[in-house]
Amino acid sequence: MTPFQRFKKEYSGKHVLIMGLGLQGRGVQDAEFFASIGAEVTVTDLKNEDQLAPSLRKLQSYNIRYVLGKHEEEDFRGHDMVLRNADVPRESPYLAIARKAHIPIEMDEALFASFVTPKKLIGITGTRGKTTTTMLIYSVLSSFFPHVLLGGNIKGVATLPLLPHVKEDSRIVLELSSWQLQGFAWRGISPHVAVWTNIYEDHLNRYKDMNAYIQDKKAIYQSQQQKDMLVLSKKDPIVSNFFDEAKGKVFFFESDDVPTSWNLRVKGIHNKENIAAAMRVGRLFRIPLSKMRTVIESFKGVEERLEEIASIHGIIFVDDTTSTTPIAGLKALEAYEDVPIILLAGGASKDLNLSPFAQKIATQVKAVFLLSGTATKGLEQDIIRYGGQKKIYGIFDRFEQAVRKAYSVAKKGDVILLSPGCASFGLFQNEFDRGEQFQQIVENIADEEKKSNR
């Protein structure tokens, strides 16, 4: 039987509770998938019907029961399985009810992995660069192998629905967050090839400390066997030391692995590190360097990660909305050190140290427009402490006003950079909503400028 046939046999007719529908598409695709194989599906989400309207419209043709704006305790006792969205904390009291009732709790990626041969899996984790490294590895492998699948923590992609597409010769590339890896730890599964890009402070609003955050990520290699492979950053002082714990073979990468003669289209030393990680994986699969070079030199980057979205009168607009940590904002500034920067920064707190980001803002940028949020006042104070008071144009609770004001002070050759270094909640639904709004505002400005010049 194929992995999909085994999965369908296991879950057809079962009562499945999906905890967390969300708006990014994964919950919708999981609900569709279980309903399509004949499972009895209930979706429960703390968001209400109005908030989830876009997701609910996509599911209107399926016979799915909904509990919205709340969770019902009995649902967590009365189903054969709970599928937990990665955004749901492991410590949720409702999950505790399911555990007490001996109801299995699963997660999309780990459940998928349990039905396929681990040898097919290439997993990527880290604090920064996960998505870019994942897309690079996927592109490199796809240039050489006939059947490569992409899943995990990719915007709008659910992993379980990939099961019908898994073939004997498939390679499966998965980006894996710390929360998704909780499911791998529970299942005792690790990918055949595990890649760890780096580690920085993140999600300390959800974790008690850095050690707890790192421990979740370690699941990417802790269940590996002797024939498995672990790929680590050589320069990261924490990640490089994980080789001591590895059961399989260990390989390192660093930015210097990328030939200086290559004509890269992505900016920043951090992207060279991402490329080096992909090259190391390519070598493990015996892909010729010449073929990798062709793929890597044509790689434009991933949307909303230092994405240059427009040029208006010589002013470049850059969307880096996935910069949700101070280190991400700092890396963005480093990537544009050779041009004047007008920065859009600030937002919701993740209990991270903003000081290095603030110092970089104070010493490098031409101007900074701060977006209101629980982290922003602290960021403003740190910028002032480092001597950047005159660069601050205020704190804005209207995003469009901030963007348009930034444009009004920009000159030809300037870069208007959205790299907040903070989470998005408060002004936005999520970081992707923030990026979409930015792109729409910039598009409107471009249209207005075209009409005025007629």
Protein backbone atom coordinates (compact mmCIF):
# COMPACT_ATOMS: atom_id res chain seq x y z
CA MET A 1 0.00 0.00 0.00
CA THR A 2 1.10 3.55 -0.69
CA PRO A 3 1.47 6.03 2.20
CA PHE A 4 -1.80 7.65 1.16
CA GLN A 5 -3.66 4.34 1.01
CA ARG A 6 -2.45 3.48 4.51
CA PHE A 7 -3.46 6.90 5.78
CA LYS A 8 -6.93 6.67 4.23
CA LYS A 9 -7.46 3.23 5.72
CA GLU A 10 -6.44 4.57 9.12
CA TYR A 11 -8.58 7.72 9.22
CA SER A 12 -11.59 7.18 6.94
CA GLY A 13 -14.68 7.23 9.13
CA LYS A 14 -12.78 8.53 12.17
CA HIS A 15 -13.89 11.58 14.15
CA VAL A 16 -11.16 14.18 13.74
CA LEU A 17 -11.01 17.45 15.67
CA ILE A 18 -8.94 20.17 13.98
CA MET A 19 -7.82 22.68 16.60
CA GLY A 20 -7.01 25.98 14.92
CA LEU A 21 -8.28 26.72 11.42
CA GLY A 22 -6.43 30.00 10.96
CA LEU A 23 -6.15 32.24 7.93
CA GLN A 24 -2.92 31.15 6.24
CA GLY A 25 -4.39 28.13 4.44
CA ARG A 26 -2.84 25.16 6.22
CA GLY A 27 -5.81 24.53 8.49
CA VAL A 28 -8.17 24.80 5.52
CA GLN A 29 -6.16 22.30 3.49
CA ASP A 30 -6.00 19.85 6.40
CA ALA A 31 -9.76 20.12 6.91
CA GLU A 32 -10.34 19.54 3.19
CA PHE A 33 -7.99 16.58 3.20
CA PHE A 34 -9.61 14.77 6.11
CA ALA A 35 -13.12 15.48 4.81
CA SER A 36 -12.16 14.21 1.35
CA ILE A 37 -11.05 10.81 2.68
CA GLY A 38 -14.30 10.30 4.58
CA ALA A 39 -13.37 11.46 8.08
CA GLU A 40 -15.97 13.14 10.28
CA VAL A 41 -14.39 16.58 10.78
CA THR A 42 -14.98 19.16 13.49
CA VAL A 43 -13.09 22.47 13.36
CA THR A 44 -12.67 24.49 16.54
CA ASP A 45 -11.05 27.93 16.70
CA LEU A 46 -11.07 30.83 19.15
CA LYS A 47 -11.54 33.22 16.25
CA ASN A 48 -15.16 33.88 15.34
CA GLU A 49 -17.03 33.37 12.07
CA ASP A 50 -16.38 36.90 10.83
CA GLN A 51 -12.65 36.68 11.51
CA LEU A 52 -12.39 33.31 9.74
CA ALA A 53 -14.68 34.19 6.83
CA PRO A 54 -12.02 33.78 4.08
CA SER A 55 -11.12 30.30 5.34
CA LEU A 56 -14.74 29.23 5.86
CA ARG A 57 -15.67 30.19 2.29
CA LYS A 58 -13.10 27.73 0.97
CA LEU A 59 -14.70 24.91 2.99
CA GLN A 60 -18.36 25.59 2.27
CA SER A 61 -18.73 22.56 -0.01
CA TYR A 62 -17.71 20.13 2.76
CA ASN A 63 -19.84 18.68 5.53
CA ILE A 64 -17.80 20.03 8.45
CA ARG A 65 -18.99 20.88 11.96
CA TYR A 66 -17.70 24.18 13.39
CA VAL A 67 -17.21 25.42 16.94
CA LEU A 68 -16.00 29.04 16.59
CA GLY A 69 -15.15 31.80 19.02
CA LYS A 70 -14.61 29.19 21.73
CA HIS A 71 -13.58 25.61 22.44
CA GLU A 72 -15.95 23.02 23.93
CA GLU A 73 -14.34 20.73 26.52
CA GLU A 74 -16.41 17.75 25.40
CA ASP A 75 -14.95 17.93 21.89
CA PHE A 76 -11.55 17.09 23.34
CA ARG A 77 -12.96 13.92 24.91
CA GLY A 78 -15.27 12.86 22.09
CA HIS A 79 -13.01 12.50 19.03
CA ASP A 80 -10.66 9.82 17.77
CA MET A 81 -7.86 12.32 17.19
CA VAL A 82 -7.00 15.99 17.70
CA LEU A 83 -4.96 17.71 14.98
CA ARG A 84 -3.20 20.59 16.69
CA ASN A 85 -2.27 23.72 14.76
CA ALA A 86 1.35 24.74 15.42
CA ASP A 87 0.15 28.09 16.83
CA VAL A 88 -1.70 26.30 19.63
CA PRO A 89 0.53 26.12 22.73
CA ARG A 90 1.45 22.63 23.86
CA GLU A 91 0.33 23.71 27.36
CA SER A 92 -3.24 24.46 26.25
CA PRO A 93 -5.71 23.25 28.92
CA TYR A 94 -7.87 21.79 26.14
CA LEU A 95 -5.01 19.60 24.94
CA ALA A 96 -4.58 18.52 28.56
CA ILE A 97 -8.21 17.36 28.52
CA ALA A 98 -7.52 15.26 25.40
CA ARG A 99 -4.40 13.74 26.98
CA LYS A 100 -6.33 12.84 30.11
CA ALA A 101 -8.97 11.18 27.92
CA HIS A 102 -6.19 9.30 26.02
CA ILE A 103 -7.12 11.01 22.75
CA PRO A 104 -4.11 11.09 20.36
CA ILE A 105 -2.83 14.60 19.61
CA GLU A 106 -1.13 14.94 16.24
CA MET A 107 0.50 17.69 14.20
CA ASP A 108 0.35 17.98 10.41
CA GLU A 109 4.05 17.55 9.54
CA ALA A 110 4.88 14.83 12.07
CA LEU A 111 1.77 12.82 11.18
CA PHE A 112 2.76 13.06 7.52
CA ALA A 113 6.32 11.96 8.35
CA SER A 114 5.03 8.92 10.24
CA PHE A 115 3.49 7.57 6.99
CA VAL A 116 6.54 8.01 4.76
CA THR A 117 10.03 6.53 4.83
CA PRO A 118 12.26 8.86 6.90
CA LYS A 119 14.94 8.42 4.22
CA LYS A 120 12.81 10.59 1.91
CA LEU A 121 12.83 13.57 4.30
CA ILE A 122 15.09 16.62 4.25
CA GLY A 123 14.22 18.92 7.16
CA ILE A 124 15.37 22.49 7.76
CA THR A 125 15.17 24.46 11.00
CA GLY A 126 16.82 27.48 12.63
CA THR A 127 15.78 30.92 13.78
CA ARG A 128 16.53 32.86 10.60
CA GLY A 129 16.82 31.76 6.99
CA LYS A 130 14.64 28.65 7.24
CA THR A 131 12.34 29.51 4.37
CA THR A 132 15.06 30.81 2.06
CA THR A 133 17.28 27.78 2.75
CA THR A 134 14.31 25.45 2.26
CA MET A 135 13.45 27.02 -1.09
CA LEU A 136 17.09 26.88 -2.21
CA ILE A 137 17.38 23.20 -1.29
CA TYR A 138 14.06 22.45 -2.99
CA SER A 139 15.24 24.27 -6.15
CA VAL A 140 18.64 22.54 -6.18
CA LEU A 141 17.15 19.05 -5.69
CA SER A 142 14.39 19.71 -8.24
CA SER A 143 17.02 20.52 -10.86
CA PHE A 144 18.47 17.02 -10.51
CA PHE A 145 15.75 14.65 -9.29
CA PRO A 146 12.42 14.01 -11.06
CA HIS A 147 10.11 14.16 -8.05
CA VAL A 148 10.69 16.58 -5.17
CA LEU A 149 7.91 17.76 -2.84
CA LEU A 150 7.84 20.89 -0.65
CA GLY A 151 6.05 21.26 2.67
CA GLY A 152 6.28 22.23 6.32
CA ASN A 153 6.33 25.82 7.52
CA ILE A 154 5.81 27.33 4.06
CA LYS A 155 3.17 30.04 3.69
CA GLY A 156 -0.12 28.55 2.53
CA VAL A 157 1.18 24.96 2.28
CA ALA A 158 -0.17 22.07 4.36
CA THR A 159 1.90 18.90 4.47
CA LEU A 160 -0.64 16.12 4.99
CA PRO A 161 -2.28 16.75 1.58
CA LEU A 162 1.06 15.87 -0.04
CA LEU A 163 0.52 12.20 0.86
CA PRO A 164 -1.31 11.26 -2.40
CA HIS A 165 1.68 12.65 -4.33
CA VAL A 166 4.42 10.69 -2.55
CA LYS A 167 6.13 8.24 -4.93
CA GLU A 168 8.79 5.61 -4.54
CA ASP A 169 11.49 8.02 -5.77
CA SER A 170 10.20 11.15 -3.96
CA ARG A 171 12.41 13.49 -1.96
CA ILE A 172 10.47 15.69 0.48
CA VAL A 173 11.83 19.03 1.68
CA LEU A 174 10.24 20.36 4.89
CA GLU A 175 10.78 23.66 6.67
CA LEU A 176 10.22 22.94 10.37
CA SER A 177 9.55 25.45 13.14
CA SER A 178 10.23 24.72 16.80
CA TRP A 179 6.51 24.10 17.38
CA GLN A 180 6.19 21.74 14.44
CA LEU A 181 9.18 19.84 15.76
CA GLN A 182 7.31 19.20 19.00
CA GLY A 183 5.26 16.73 16.99
CA PHE A 184 8.43 15.05 15.68
CA ALA A 185 9.74 14.69 19.24
CA TRP A 186 6.52 13.06 20.37
CA ARG A 187 6.60 10.69 17.39
CA GLY A 188 10.33 9.94 17.75
CA ILE A 189 11.00 10.90 14.12
CA SER A 190 13.83 12.92 12.58
CA PRO A 191 14.49 13.59 8.88
CA HIS A 192 17.18 11.61 7.07
CA VAL A 193 18.95 14.91 6.31
CA ALA A 194 18.56 17.58 8.99
CA VAL A 195 19.76 21.14 8.37
CA TRP A 196 20.13 23.73 11.16
CA THR A 197 20.80 27.26 9.90
CA ASN A 198 21.44 29.22 13.11
CA ILE A 199 19.97 30.06 16.49
CA TYR A 200 19.01 33.46 17.91
CA GLU A 201 16.59 34.68 20.55
CA ASP A 202 13.01 34.24 19.40
CA HIS A 203 9.54 33.38 20.71
CA LEU A 204 10.48 34.16 24.32
CA ASN A 205 6.89 35.30 24.73
CA ARG A 206 6.01 31.60 24.30
CA TYR A 207 9.07 29.88 25.82
CA LYS A 208 10.29 30.26 29.40
CA ASP A 209 13.89 30.63 28.19
CA MET A 210 16.24 30.03 25.26
CA ASN A 211 17.06 26.51 26.41
CA ALA A 212 13.41 25.44 26.08
CA TYR A 213 13.29 26.94 22.57
CA ILE A 214 16.50 25.17 21.53
CA GLN A 215 15.35 21.89 23.04
CA ASP A 216 12.26 21.80 20.83
CA LYS A 217 14.38 22.40 17.74
CA LYS A 218 16.77 19.58 18.64
CA ALA A 219 14.07 17.10 17.65
CA ILE A 220 15.23 17.63 14.07
CA TYR A 221 18.22 15.35 14.77
CA GLN A 222 17.62 13.60 18.10
CA SER A 223 15.91 10.57 16.53
CA GLN A 224 18.37 10.24 13.66
CA GLN A 225 20.25 6.97 13.17
CA GLN A 226 23.82 6.18 12.14
CA LYS A 227 23.13 6.48 8.39
CA ASP A 228 21.39 9.84 8.73
CA MET A 229 23.07 13.23 8.17
CA LEU A 230 23.14 16.48 10.13
CA VAL A 231 24.16 19.75 8.42
CA LEU A 232 25.22 22.56 10.78
CA SER A 233 26.37 26.16 10.58
CA LYS A 234 30.11 26.24 11.24
CA LYS A 235 30.12 29.86 12.42
CA ASP A 236 27.13 29.75 14.78
CA PRO A 237 28.67 29.22 18.26
CA ILE A 238 25.69 27.26 19.57
CA VAL A 239 24.65 25.27 16.50
CA SER A 240 28.21 24.20 15.64
CA ASN A 241 28.49 22.39 18.98
CA PHE A 242 25.53 20.10 18.32
CA PHE A 243 27.87 17.70 16.47
CA ASP A 244 28.70 16.19 19.87
CA GLU A 245 25.10 14.93 20.17
CA ALA A 246 24.73 13.62 16.62
CA LYS A 247 24.15 9.92 16.00
CA GLY A 248 24.70 10.20 12.25
CA LYS A 249 27.28 11.91 10.07
CA VAL A 250 27.83 15.64 10.56
CA PHE A 251 28.62 18.20 7.85
CA PHE A 252 29.30 21.93 8.22
CA PHE A 253 28.69 24.96 6.02
CA GLU A 254 29.74 28.62 6.08
CA SER A 255 29.33 31.63 3.83
CA ASP A 256 32.90 31.26 2.50
CA ASP A 257 31.79 28.04 0.77
CA VAL A 258 30.06 30.16 -1.88
CA PRO A 259 32.50 30.95 -4.72
CA THR A 260 33.18 34.68 -5.05
CA SER A 261 32.85 34.38 -8.83
CA TRP A 262 29.16 33.48 -8.59
CA ASN A 263 26.73 36.24 -9.57
CA LEU A 264 24.17 36.17 -6.75
CA ARG A 265 20.83 37.95 -6.98
CA VAL A 266 20.14 37.99 -3.23
CA LYS A 267 21.71 40.42 -0.80
CA GLY A 268 23.50 39.97 2.51
CA ILE A 269 26.01 37.69 4.18
CA HIS A 270 23.09 35.85 5.77
CA ASN A 271 21.89 34.81 2.31
CA LYS A 272 25.37 33.51 1.48
CA GLU A 273 25.03 31.32 4.57
CA ASN A 274 21.65 30.08 3.32
CA ILE A 275 23.18 29.32 -0.08
CA ALA A 276 26.11 27.50 1.54
CA ALA A 277 23.68 25.28 3.46
CA ALA A 278 21.86 24.40 0.22
CA MET A 279 25.15 23.67 -1.52
CA ARG A 280 26.18 21.32 1.28
CA VAL A 281 22.91 19.39 0.91
CA GLY A 282 23.39 19.32 -2.86
CA ARG A 283 26.81 17.76 -2.42
CA LEU A 284 25.34 15.11 -0.12
CA PHE A 285 23.08 14.14 -3.01
CA ARG A 286 25.99 14.25 -5.49
CA ILE A 287 24.58 17.13 -7.51
CA PRO A 288 27.27 18.68 -9.76
CA LEU A 289 28.51 22.11 -8.72
CA SER A 290 27.83 23.46 -12.22
CA LYS A 291 24.14 22.54 -11.95
CA MET A 292 23.90 24.06 -8.47
CA ARG A 293 25.49 27.26 -9.73
CA THR A 294 22.87 27.64 -12.46
CA VAL A 295 20.05 27.25 -9.93
CA ILE A 296 21.58 29.49 -7.28
CA GLU A 297 22.54 32.31 -9.63
CA SER A 298 18.95 32.43 -10.92
CA PHE A 299 17.45 32.42 -7.40
CA LYS A 300 15.70 35.75 -6.75
CA GLY A 301 14.91 35.11 -3.10
CA VAL A 302 11.62 34.46 -1.35
CA GLU A 303 8.73 36.91 -1.33
CA GLU A 304 8.55 39.28 1.65
CA ARG A 305 12.17 38.61 2.60
CA LEU A 306 14.19 41.63 1.46
CA GLU A 307 11.94 41.66 -1.60
CA GLU A 308 12.39 44.77 -3.76
CA ILE A 309 8.80 45.42 -4.76
CA ALA A 310 8.94 48.79 -6.54
CA SER A 311 11.07 51.69 -7.71
CA ILE A 312 9.31 55.07 -7.78
CA HIS A 313 11.37 58.03 -8.98
CA GLY A 314 14.53 56.18 -8.03
CA ILE A 315 13.28 55.31 -4.52
CA ILE A 316 13.40 51.55 -3.88
CA PHE A 317 10.72 49.94 -1.69
CA VAL A 318 11.78 46.73 0.07
CA ASP A 319 9.33 44.34 1.77
CA ASP A 320 10.97 42.43 4.63
CA THR A 321 7.81 41.91 6.68
CA THR A 322 8.95 38.45 7.87
CA SER A 323 11.53 40.33 9.95
CA THR A 324 9.78 39.56 13.25
CA THR A 325 12.91 39.56 15.45
CA PRO A 326 15.55 42.21 16.17
CA ILE A 327 18.29 40.05 14.61
CA ALA A 328 16.28 39.89 11.37
CA GLY A 329 16.00 43.67 11.30
CA LEU A 330 19.71 44.00 11.99
CA LYS A 331 20.58 41.60 9.14
CA ALA A 332 18.36 43.60 6.78
CA LEU A 333 20.19 46.81 7.65
CA GLU A 334 23.51 45.06 7.06
CA ALA A 335 22.32 43.96 3.61
CA TYR A 336 21.70 47.61 2.64
CA GLU A 337 24.68 49.24 4.32
CA ASP A 338 25.79 50.92 1.10
CA VAL A 339 22.59 52.99 0.55
CA PRO A 340 20.55 55.54 2.56
CA ILE A 341 17.76 53.73 4.43
CA ILE A 342 14.38 55.01 5.55
CA LEU A 343 13.20 52.32 7.93
CA LEU A 344 9.72 51.19 9.00
CA ALA A 345 10.18 49.31 12.28
CA GLY A 346 8.50 48.34 15.54
CA GLY A 347 5.43 46.38 16.53
CA ALA A 348 4.45 43.70 19.00
CA SER A 349 6.84 42.35 21.61
CA LYS A 350 8.25 38.82 21.70
CA ASP A 351 10.24 39.64 24.87
CA LEU A 352 13.50 39.89 22.90
CA ASN A 353 16.50 42.17 23.36
CA LEU A 354 16.00 45.16 21.04
CA SER A 355 19.23 46.93 21.96
CA PRO A 356 21.53 45.75 19.09
CA PHE A 357 18.83 46.54 16.52
CA ALA A 358 18.28 49.97 18.05
CA GLN A 359 22.00 50.73 18.01
CA LYS A 360 22.20 49.79 14.33
CA ILE A 361 19.21 52.03 13.57
CA ALA A 362 20.75 54.94 15.46
CA THR A 363 24.09 54.69 13.66
CA GLN A 364 23.03 53.68 10.14
CA VAL A 365 19.59 54.75 8.97
CA LYS A 366 18.64 58.11 7.52
CA ALA A 367 15.20 58.10 9.15
CA VAL A 368 12.98 55.69 11.08
CA PHE A 369 9.19 55.57 11.23
CA LEU A 370 7.97 53.46 14.14
CA LEU A 371 4.79 51.35 14.04
CA SER A 372 2.83 51.24 17.27
CA GLY A 373 2.93 48.09 19.37
CA THR A 374 3.97 46.68 22.71
CA ALA A 375 7.67 46.64 21.74
CA THR A 376 7.83 50.04 20.09
CA LYS A 377 8.25 52.35 23.07
CA GLY A 378 11.22 50.30 24.26
CA LEU A 379 12.73 50.35 20.77
CA GLU A 380 12.28 54.12 20.59
CA GLN A 381 13.98 54.59 23.98
CA ASP A 382 16.91 52.41 22.91
CA ILE A 383 17.35 54.36 19.65
CA ILE A 384 17.42 57.60 21.65
CA ARG A 385 19.90 56.08 24.12
CA TYR A 386 22.27 55.38 21.22
CA GLY A 387 22.00 58.93 19.90
CA GLY A 388 19.39 58.45 17.16
CA GLN A 389 16.68 60.77 18.49
CA LYS A 390 16.78 63.12 15.47
CA LYS A 391 16.20 60.18 13.11
CA ILE A 392 12.85 59.25 14.68
CA TYR A 393 9.84 60.66 12.82
CA GLY A 394 7.33 59.42 15.36
CA ILE A 395 5.22 56.41 16.32
CA PHE A 396 2.34 55.69 13.93
CA ASP A 397 -0.83 53.72 14.62
CA ARG A 398 -1.91 54.11 10.99
CA PHE A 399 0.36 52.09 8.72
CA GLU A 400 -0.51 53.92 5.51
CA GLN A 401 0.30 57.25 7.12
CA ALA A 402 3.75 55.94 8.12
CA VAL A 403 4.50 54.62 4.61
CA ARG A 404 3.35 57.80 2.87
CA LYS A 405 5.25 60.00 5.30
CA ALA A 406 8.38 57.93 4.68
CA TYR A 407 7.92 58.40 0.94
CA SER A 408 7.50 62.16 1.37
CA VAL A 409 10.94 62.51 2.95
CA ALA A 410 12.72 60.05 0.62
CA LYS A 411 14.96 61.11 -2.23
CA LYS A 412 16.26 59.38 -5.33
CA GLY A 413 18.68 56.63 -4.31
CA ASP A 414 17.03 56.02 -0.93
CA VAL A 415 15.61 52.66 0.15
CA ILE A 416 12.33 52.56 2.08
CA LEU A 417 12.74 49.35 4.05
CA LEU A 418 9.92 47.58 5.89
CA SER A 419 11.92 45.43 8.32
CA PRO A 420 10.10 45.80 11.64
CA GLY A 421 12.24 43.53 13.85
CA CYS A 422 9.07 42.89 15.86
CA ALA A 423 5.92 40.79 15.64
CA SER A 424 2.92 42.14 13.76
CA PHE A 425 -0.03 41.59 16.11
CA GLY A 426 -1.96 44.70 17.08
CA LEU A 427 -2.01 46.64 13.83
CA PHE A 428 -2.13 43.51 11.66
CA GLN A 429 -3.52 39.98 11.63
CA ASN A 430 -0.05 38.55 11.06
CA GLU A 431 3.23 39.44 9.34
CA PHE A 432 1.83 38.43 5.95
CA ASP A 433 -1.08 40.83 6.35
CA ARG A 434 1.51 43.51 7.16
CA GLY A 435 3.43 42.73 3.98
CA GLU A 436 0.30 42.62 1.82
CA GLN A 437 -0.82 46.00 3.15
CA PHE A 438 2.64 47.46 2.47
CA GLN A 439 2.61 46.20 -1.10
CA GLN A 440 -0.89 47.58 -1.69
CA ILE A 441 0.04 51.01 -0.32
CA VAL A 442 3.17 51.12 -2.49
CA GLU A 443 1.15 50.06 -5.53
CA ASN A 444 -1.32 52.88 -4.83
CA ILE A 445 1.53 55.41 -4.56
CA ALA A 446 2.97 54.18 -7.87
CA ASP A 447 -0.43 54.54 -9.59
CA GLU A 448 -0.88 58.05 -8.21
CA GLU A 449 2.57 59.09 -9.43
CA LYS A 450 1.85 57.74 -12.93
CA LYS A 451 -1.40 59.71 -13.14
CA SER A 452 0.21 62.91 -11.88
CA ASN A 453 2.91 62.67 -14.55
CA ARG A 454 0.53 62.25 -17.49
